[in-house]
Amino acid sequence: MSLTPHRDKILAAIKNPKCPDDDKMLLQEALSIYDEWKKKLHSLTSKGQKRVREMVELLNWYKDLFEVELIMKQGSSFIKRQKGQLKLDNSILEEFLIELVNPDVFDGLDTSKLEIGPKNAFMSLSFIPRSFKELPQKPRIFVKTKAHDFVIGTKIYYKFSTTDSFDKPKTVDGDMVLAVLVAECKVNLDKTMFQEAAGTAARLKQGCPVAKYFLLVEYLDMVPEDCRLTAIDNVFLLRHARRLPFEKRNDPLEVEKQHKNHPIDHKVVWMFVQEIQKLMSAIWYDPDEALRRGSFV
């Protein structure tokens, strides 16, 4: 998948035949602002927590311009109504996370062999032969994957055969992305989304028990729950804010005020960075250490 998911969503919206011409002009303007945002991000020279703070400042700057000044204040009812469906808003955060995984933020990071960004990642592998008679024939293998907003992982290649010589007619091969960290980006999080995420996290960890699963949320639309009762590792509330009431959601001034009063908090983003750093620095499992520890895990 692309490393510029937000830019891709803007271009796709411009090509959408249902998008009004005035909205297409707005989105063309948005591309110019997008280019400026990326240029500013790439010109940063700071490291560590200071770099994260500066990156979040630029993120807030871009989201205020794109979501408030362009979409809410100038966009038609079509673009306002469809921005979630077109993923114009939450794809900003997806692309920001790709920029965040940077050696100037993380210690000892080598991205050359990693899969980073929106990916279809491994969930489960099953063998389902048609019948006892067909058991010795070419394996019937089902590798189930799921699309995630943000993944850190690696690509794994596999080959299965019913012969030790791996004869081509009786061999199945392919590849998949194994995710050790998944983050889903939500503009609003409600109870249904949370429950769906909990189910996804559980299935992810069945396939890779060391994996971590997080939600990054701008606005909360539910009562907070204890993540320890689920397979979700944490929910990060980026703006410390609840969703606007229904009657205020399409009011540009109310949206602008909420952005101003509740910007994305660089300290919360830094908490997420620390979770990734711990994952990168940890020994996930070493059976040789069991006797020294006095426990298996």
Protein backbone atom coordinates (compact mmCIF):
# COMPACT_ATOMS: atom_id res chain seq x y z
CA MET A 1 0.00 0.00 0.00
CA SER A 2 0.99 3.64 -0.44
CA LEU A 3 3.07 5.65 2.03
CA THR A 4 0.96 8.73 1.22
CA PRO A 5 -2.58 7.55 2.07
CA HIS A 6 -3.94 11.04 2.71
CA ARG A 7 -2.69 12.42 -0.59
CA ASP A 8 -4.15 9.38 -2.34
CA LYS A 9 -7.56 10.04 -0.75
CA ILE A 10 -7.52 13.66 -1.91
CA LEU A 11 -6.69 12.61 -5.48
CA ALA A 12 -9.38 9.92 -5.39
CA ALA A 13 -11.97 12.48 -4.22
CA ILE A 14 -10.98 14.84 -7.04
CA LYS A 15 -11.58 12.03 -9.54
CA ASN A 16 -14.89 11.06 -7.94
CA PRO A 17 -17.62 11.85 -10.53
CA LYS A 18 -20.06 12.72 -7.73
CA CYS A 19 -17.77 15.39 -6.30
CA PRO A 20 -18.98 18.91 -7.29
CA ASP A 21 -16.59 21.09 -9.28
CA ASP A 22 -16.30 23.64 -6.47
CA ASP A 23 -15.23 20.91 -4.07
CA LYS A 24 -12.68 19.68 -6.59
CA MET A 25 -11.19 23.17 -6.68
CA LEU A 26 -11.01 23.15 -2.87
CA LEU A 27 -9.25 19.81 -2.92
CA GLN A 28 -6.76 21.11 -5.48
CA GLU A 29 -6.03 23.91 -3.04
CA ALA A 30 -5.72 21.32 -0.30
CA LEU A 31 -3.00 19.56 -2.30
CA SER A 32 -0.91 22.74 -2.21
CA ILE A 33 -1.36 22.99 1.56
CA TYR A 34 -0.56 19.29 1.85
CA ASP A 35 2.71 19.78 -0.03
CA GLU A 36 3.61 22.65 2.31
CA TRP A 37 2.80 20.47 5.36
CA LYS A 38 5.04 17.65 4.14
CA LYS A 39 7.83 20.08 3.25
CA LYS A 40 7.75 21.53 6.76
CA LEU A 41 7.76 18.06 8.31
CA HIS A 42 10.78 16.99 6.27
CA SER A 43 12.69 20.18 7.11
CA LEU A 44 12.64 19.49 10.86
CA THR A 45 16.10 18.94 12.37
CA SER A 46 15.14 18.15 15.96
CA LYS A 47 15.11 14.70 17.55
CA GLY A 48 13.20 12.73 20.13
CA GLN A 49 10.44 14.31 22.15
CA LYS A 50 11.15 17.80 20.79
CA ARG A 51 10.68 16.53 17.23
CA VAL A 52 7.38 14.87 18.19
CA ARG A 53 6.14 18.16 19.68
CA GLU A 54 7.06 20.06 16.51
CA MET A 55 5.49 17.39 14.31
CA VAL A 56 2.23 17.59 16.28
CA GLU A 57 2.23 21.39 16.00
CA LEU A 58 2.43 20.99 12.22
CA LEU A 59 -0.26 18.31 12.33
CA ASN A 60 -2.63 20.68 14.14
CA TRP A 61 -1.78 23.45 11.70
CA TYR A 62 -2.61 21.27 8.71
CA LYS A 63 -5.77 19.73 10.17
CA ASP A 64 -7.11 23.18 11.10
CA LEU A 65 -6.57 24.42 7.55
CA PHE A 66 -7.83 21.30 5.80
CA GLU A 67 -10.75 20.29 8.02
CA VAL A 68 -11.99 23.68 9.21
CA GLU A 69 -10.98 26.42 6.77
CA LEU A 70 -11.47 24.37 3.59
CA ILE A 71 -13.95 21.55 4.24
CA MET A 72 -16.20 23.03 6.93
CA LYS A 73 -16.18 26.70 5.91
CA GLN A 74 -16.03 26.41 2.12
CA GLY A 75 -17.06 22.88 1.20
CA SER A 76 -20.45 21.88 -0.16
CA SER A 77 -22.86 19.62 1.69
CA PHE A 78 -21.48 16.72 -0.38
CA ILE A 79 -17.89 17.01 0.85
CA LYS A 80 -18.99 17.65 4.43
CA ARG A 81 -21.29 14.65 4.41
CA GLN A 82 -18.91 12.31 2.58
CA LYS A 83 -15.55 13.30 4.11
CA GLY A 84 -15.67 10.35 6.50
CA GLN A 85 -16.65 7.90 3.76
CA LEU A 86 -13.89 9.28 1.54
CA LYS A 87 -11.44 9.04 4.48
CA LEU A 88 -10.30 12.60 3.92
CA ASP A 89 -9.93 13.36 7.63
CA ASN A 90 -8.66 10.23 9.41
CA SER A 91 -6.17 9.54 6.58
CA ILE A 92 -4.29 12.65 7.77
CA LEU A 93 -3.44 10.83 10.98
CA GLU A 94 -2.55 7.66 9.06
CA GLU A 95 0.04 9.57 7.03
CA PHE A 96 1.29 11.41 10.11
CA LEU A 97 2.05 8.07 11.80
CA ILE A 98 4.15 6.99 8.81
CA GLU A 99 6.19 10.18 9.22
CA LEU A 100 6.42 9.55 12.96
CA VAL A 101 8.26 6.23 12.53
CA ASN A 102 11.58 7.93 11.97
CA PRO A 103 15.13 7.29 13.27
CA ASP A 104 15.10 10.86 14.62
CA VAL A 105 12.22 9.84 16.91
CA PHE A 106 13.09 6.23 17.82
CA ASP A 107 16.38 4.87 19.13
CA GLY A 108 17.93 2.08 17.09
CA LEU A 109 15.30 2.14 14.37
CA ASP A 110 16.08 0.58 11.00
CA THR A 111 13.09 0.83 8.66
CA SER A 112 14.77 -0.80 5.65
CA LYS A 113 13.12 -4.22 6.19
CA LEU A 114 9.92 -3.10 7.89
CA GLU A 115 6.41 -2.80 6.51
CA ILE A 116 4.99 0.51 7.78
CA GLY A 117 1.68 2.26 7.15
CA PRO A 118 -1.79 1.07 6.05
CA LYS A 119 -1.51 -2.67 5.39
CA ASN A 120 -3.46 -5.88 5.04
CA ALA A 121 -1.94 -7.87 7.90
CA PHE A 122 -2.07 -11.56 8.84
CA MET A 123 -4.95 -12.70 11.05
CA SER A 124 -5.15 -16.49 10.64
CA LEU A 125 -4.07 -19.46 8.54
CA SER A 126 -6.28 -22.49 7.94
CA PHE A 127 -6.05 -25.78 6.05
CA ILE A 128 -9.38 -26.90 4.60
CA PRO A 129 -9.08 -29.97 2.30
CA ARG A 130 -12.14 -30.70 0.18
CA SER A 131 -12.24 -34.37 1.13
CA PHE A 132 -10.18 -37.27 2.45
CA LYS A 133 -9.55 -38.32 -1.16
CA GLU A 134 -8.09 -34.93 -2.06
CA LEU A 135 -5.93 -34.70 1.07
CA PRO A 136 -2.68 -35.70 -0.75
CA GLN A 137 -3.35 -33.20 -3.50
CA LYS A 138 -2.41 -29.52 -3.62
CA PRO A 139 -3.00 -27.96 -0.16
CA ARG A 140 -6.12 -25.87 0.30
CA ILE A 141 -4.78 -23.01 2.39
CA PHE A 142 -6.64 -19.91 3.48
CA VAL A 143 -4.59 -17.00 4.77
CA LYS A 144 -6.95 -14.43 6.26
CA THR A 145 -5.78 -10.84 6.42
CA LYS A 146 -7.39 -7.59 7.55
CA ALA A 147 -6.82 -4.01 6.47
CA HIS A 148 -5.46 -1.77 9.24
CA ASP A 149 -4.91 1.98 9.28
CA PHE A 150 -1.33 1.67 10.53
CA VAL A 151 0.98 -1.31 10.91
CA ILE A 152 4.56 -1.97 11.89
CA GLY A 153 5.65 -5.42 10.80
CA THR A 154 7.51 -7.43 8.22
CA LYS A 155 6.70 -9.42 5.12
CA ILE A 156 6.80 -13.21 5.44
CA TYR A 157 7.00 -15.60 2.52
CA TYR A 158 5.57 -19.10 2.75
CA LYS A 159 5.43 -22.33 0.76
CA PHE A 160 3.40 -25.47 1.50
CA SER A 161 3.37 -28.72 -0.44
CA THR A 162 2.15 -32.31 -0.15
CA THR A 163 5.52 -33.48 -1.57
CA ASP A 164 9.00 -33.06 -0.09
CA SER A 165 10.27 -31.94 -3.49
CA PHE A 166 7.72 -29.09 -3.57
CA ASP A 167 6.45 -30.04 -7.02
CA LYS A 168 4.71 -27.03 -8.49
CA PRO A 169 1.28 -28.64 -9.13
CA LYS A 170 1.11 -29.71 -5.48
CA THR A 171 2.60 -26.56 -3.94
CA VAL A 172 1.04 -23.34 -2.69
CA ASP A 173 3.19 -20.29 -1.99
CA GLY A 174 2.68 -16.61 -1.27
CA ASP A 175 3.46 -13.83 1.18
CA MET A 176 1.80 -11.90 3.96
CA VAL A 177 2.53 -9.02 6.31
CA LEU A 178 3.02 -10.04 9.93
CA ALA A 179 2.09 -7.08 12.14
CA VAL A 180 3.63 -6.68 15.59
CA LEU A 181 1.92 -3.33 16.12
CA VAL A 182 -1.43 -2.14 14.83
CA ALA A 183 -3.02 1.26 15.35
CA GLU A 184 -6.47 2.22 14.13
CA CYS A 185 -7.14 5.93 13.61
CA LYS A 186 -10.62 7.13 14.60
CA VAL A 187 -12.01 10.64 14.30
CA ASN A 188 -14.85 9.54 16.61
CA LEU A 189 -14.99 6.40 18.73
CA ASP A 190 -18.33 4.96 19.81
CA LYS A 191 -19.28 1.78 21.62
CA THR A 192 -19.84 -0.25 18.45
CA MET A 193 -16.43 0.72 17.04
CA PHE A 194 -14.76 -0.15 20.34
CA GLN A 195 -16.35 -3.59 20.46
CA GLU A 196 -15.39 -4.26 16.84
CA ALA A 197 -11.81 -3.19 17.61
CA ALA A 198 -11.72 -5.51 20.63
CA GLY A 199 -12.69 -8.45 18.42
CA THR A 200 -10.06 -7.52 15.83
CA ALA A 201 -7.37 -7.19 18.51
CA ALA A 202 -8.21 -10.66 19.87
CA ARG A 203 -7.96 -12.27 16.42
CA LEU A 204 -4.70 -10.42 15.69
CA LYS A 205 -3.12 -11.76 18.89
CA GLN A 206 -4.25 -15.30 18.18
CA GLY A 207 -2.01 -15.18 15.10
CA CYS A 208 0.80 -13.19 16.76
CA PRO A 209 0.63 -13.19 20.58
CA VAL A 210 3.37 -10.56 20.99
CA ALA A 211 1.48 -8.03 18.84
CA LYS A 212 0.19 -4.75 20.29
CA TYR A 213 -3.10 -3.15 19.29
CA PHE A 214 -3.96 0.51 19.90
CA LEU A 215 -6.69 2.99 19.02
CA LEU A 216 -5.83 6.64 18.31
CA VAL A 217 -8.96 8.72 18.78
CA GLU A 218 -9.68 12.42 18.31
CA TYR A 219 -13.18 12.60 19.81
CA LEU A 220 -14.84 10.21 22.22
CA ASP A 221 -18.48 9.23 21.68
CA MET A 222 -18.83 6.64 24.47
CA VAL A 223 -18.14 6.07 28.16
CA PRO A 224 -14.48 5.04 28.59
CA GLU A 225 -13.97 1.33 29.30
CA ASP A 226 -11.16 -0.61 30.95
CA CYS A 227 -9.03 -1.98 28.09
CA ARG A 228 -7.75 -4.76 30.34
CA LEU A 229 -11.09 -6.48 29.82
CA THR A 230 -10.28 -6.69 26.09
CA ALA A 231 -7.29 -7.46 23.85
CA ILE A 232 -6.89 -3.72 23.09
CA ASP A 233 -3.67 -2.48 24.70
CA ASN A 234 -4.76 1.16 25.04
CA VAL A 235 -6.93 3.91 23.60
CA PHE A 236 -5.15 7.24 23.20
CA LEU A 237 -7.46 10.29 23.37
CA LEU A 238 -5.50 12.73 21.25
CA ARG A 239 -7.63 15.83 21.92
CA HIS A 240 -8.91 15.02 25.43
CA ALA A 241 -12.36 15.81 24.02
CA ARG A 242 -15.80 14.36 23.48
CA ARG A 243 -17.62 14.51 20.16
CA LEU A 244 -19.70 17.61 19.54
CA PRO A 245 -23.46 17.26 20.07
CA PHE A 246 -25.39 16.42 16.90
CA GLU A 247 -26.79 19.95 16.49
CA LYS A 248 -23.28 21.48 16.50
CA ARG A 249 -21.37 19.06 14.28
CA ASN A 250 -22.05 20.91 11.03
CA ASP A 251 -21.53 24.38 12.48
CA PRO A 252 -18.12 25.61 11.21
CA LEU A 253 -17.70 27.99 14.14
CA GLU A 254 -18.35 25.23 16.67
CA VAL A 255 -15.91 22.90 14.90
CA GLU A 256 -13.32 25.67 14.74
CA LYS A 257 -13.75 26.40 18.46
CA GLN A 258 -13.34 22.74 19.34
CA HIS A 259 -10.13 22.49 17.28
CA LYS A 260 -8.80 25.58 19.03
CA ASN A 261 -9.78 24.50 22.54
CA HIS A 262 -8.72 20.89 22.09
CA PRO A 263 -5.70 20.58 19.78
CA ILE A 264 -4.02 17.22 19.38
CA ASP A 265 -1.79 16.84 22.43
CA HIS A 266 1.87 16.12 21.69
CA LYS A 267 2.19 14.51 25.15
CA VAL A 268 -0.39 11.88 24.21
CA VAL A 269 1.41 11.23 20.92
CA TRP A 270 4.64 10.88 22.91
CA MET A 271 2.93 8.25 25.11
CA PHE A 272 2.19 6.30 21.93
CA VAL A 273 5.80 6.73 20.77
CA GLN A 274 7.02 5.28 24.07
CA GLU A 275 4.80 2.23 23.59
CA ILE A 276 6.38 1.63 20.19
CA GLN A 277 9.87 2.18 21.62
CA LYS A 278 9.24 -0.38 24.37
CA LEU A 279 8.06 -2.87 21.77
CA MET A 280 11.16 -2.27 19.65
CA SER A 281 13.55 -2.56 22.60
CA ALA A 282 12.04 -5.59 24.36
CA ILE A 283 12.99 -9.25 24.13
CA TRP A 284 9.55 -10.64 23.39
CA TYR A 285 10.23 -14.18 24.54
CA ASP A 286 13.39 -16.03 25.57
CA PRO A 287 12.81 -19.57 26.93
CA ASP A 288 16.43 -19.76 28.09
CA GLU A 289 15.64 -17.06 30.66
CA ALA A 290 12.82 -19.03 32.33
CA LEU A 291 15.00 -20.73 34.99
CA ARG A 292 16.71 -17.46 35.91
CA ARG A 293 13.40 -15.64 36.23
CA GLY A 294 11.66 -18.49 37.96
CA SER A 295 8.70 -18.26 35.55
CA PHE A 296 7.86 -19.05 31.95
CA VAL A 297 6.94 -15.42 31.14
